[in-house]
Amino acid sequence: MISPSLKTKKAYFASVRRRNYAASLRLEGFDVPEKAPEPRFSSKQEAVRFHSRQR
């Protein structure tokens, strides 16, 4: 059996972390949308490039 790559593992645990955080907020009584919006930038470099042009 082939084990998953590190990138796959990181993505999985990031999604679990987000789901757990949303569940925690719901338990505390906050209204949390079921589907979170997609990130605006796919990488940190894209975000830096976009915001450096804004000046």
C-alpha atoms as a PDB file:
ATOM      1  CA  MET A   1       0.000   0.000   0.000  1.00  0.00           C
ATOM      2  CA  ILE A   2       1.344   3.435  -0.959  1.00  0.00           C
ATOM      3  CA  SER A   3       1.236   6.022   1.798  1.00  0.00           C
ATOM      4  CA  PRO A   4      -0.137   9.512   1.031  1.00  0.00           C
ATOM      5  CA  SER A   5       2.286  12.319   0.282  1.00  0.00           C
ATOM      6  CA  LEU A   6       3.098  15.035   2.779  1.00  0.00           C
ATOM      7  CA  LYS A   7       1.161  17.573   0.690  1.00  0.00           C
ATOM      8  CA  THR A   8      -1.946  15.355   0.784  1.00  0.00           C
ATOM      9  CA  LYS A   9      -1.631  14.905   4.537  1.00  0.00           C
ATOM     10  CA  LYS A  10      -1.271  18.664   5.103  1.00  0.00           C
ATOM     11  CA  ALA A  11      -4.345  19.390   2.969  1.00  0.00           C
ATOM     12  CA  TYR A  12      -6.370  16.772   4.837  1.00  0.00           C
ATOM     13  CA  PHE A  13      -5.444  18.077   8.280  1.00  0.00           C
ATOM     14  CA  ALA A  14      -6.075  21.687   7.199  1.00  0.00           C
ATOM     15  CA  SER A  15      -9.600  20.733   6.111  1.00  0.00           C
ATOM     16  CA  VAL A  16     -10.203  18.840   9.367  1.00  0.00           C
ATOM     17  CA  ARG A  17      -8.953  21.847  11.339  1.00  0.00           C
ATOM     18  CA  ARG A  18     -11.405  24.150   9.490  1.00  0.00           C
ATOM     19  CA  ARG A  19     -14.324  21.760  10.043  1.00  0.00           C
ATOM     20  CA  ASN A  20     -13.519  21.428  13.748  1.00  0.00           C
ATOM     21  CA  TYR A  21     -13.277  25.210  14.137  1.00  0.00           C
ATOM     22  CA  ALA A  22     -16.643  25.694  12.411  1.00  0.00           C
ATOM     23  CA  ALA A  23     -18.196  23.002  14.617  1.00  0.00           C
ATOM     24  CA  SER A  24     -16.778  24.685  17.709  1.00  0.00           C
ATOM     25  CA  LEU A  25     -18.274  28.029  16.667  1.00  0.00           C
ATOM     26  CA  ARG A  26     -21.672  26.383  16.094  1.00  0.00           C
ATOM     27  CA  LEU A  27     -21.532  24.818  19.565  1.00  0.00           C
ATOM     28  CA  GLU A  28     -20.892  28.277  21.020  1.00  0.00           C
ATOM     29  CA  GLY A  29     -23.985  29.626  19.262  1.00  0.00           C
ATOM     30  CA  PHE A  30     -22.483  31.454  16.290  1.00  0.00           C
ATOM     31  CA  ASP A  31     -24.081  31.275  12.846  1.00  0.00           C
ATOM     32  CA  VAL A  32     -21.539  29.655  10.563  1.00  0.00           C
ATOM     33  CA  PRO A  33     -22.177  29.173   6.837  1.00  0.00           C
ATOM     34  CA  GLU A  34     -21.902  25.551   5.741  1.00  0.00           C
ATOM     35  CA  LYS A  35     -19.639  26.274   2.772  1.00  0.00           C
ATOM     36  CA  ALA A  36     -16.748  28.643   3.369  1.00  0.00           C
ATOM     37  CA  PRO A  37     -15.870  30.974   0.500  1.00  0.00           C
ATOM     38  CA  GLU A  38     -12.951  29.997  -1.687  1.00  0.00           C
ATOM     39  CA  PRO A  39      -9.682  31.722  -0.842  1.00  0.00           C
ATOM     40  CA  ARG A  40      -9.085  34.846  -2.894  1.00  0.00           C
ATOM     41  CA  PHE A  41      -5.471  33.936  -3.654  1.00  0.00           C
ATOM     42  CA  SER A  42      -4.037  30.509  -4.322  1.00  0.00           C
ATOM     43  CA  SER A  43      -0.639  31.343  -2.851  1.00  0.00           C
ATOM     44  CA  LYS A  44       1.090  33.804  -0.583  1.00  0.00           C
ATOM     45  CA  GLN A  45       3.138  35.105  -3.517  1.00  0.00           C
ATOM     46  CA  GLU A  46      -0.030  35.961  -5.459  1.00  0.00           C
ATOM     47  CA  ALA A  47      -1.410  37.892  -2.492  1.00  0.00           C
ATOM     48  CA  VAL A  48       1.834  39.826  -2.016  1.00  0.00           C
ATOM     49  CA  ARG A  49       2.026  40.599  -5.731  1.00  0.00           C
ATOM     50  CA  PHE A  50      -1.596  41.841  -5.773  1.00  0.00           C
ATOM     51  CA  HIS A  51      -1.247  44.027  -2.678  1.00  0.00           C
ATOM     52  CA  SER A  52       2.080  45.494  -3.722  1.00  0.00           C
ATOM     53  CA  ARG A  53       0.375  46.807  -6.889  1.00  0.00           C
ATOM     54  CA  GLN A  54      -2.314  48.539  -4.819  1.00  0.00           C
ATOM     55  CA  ARG A  55       0.049  51.226  -3.548  1.00  0.00           C
END
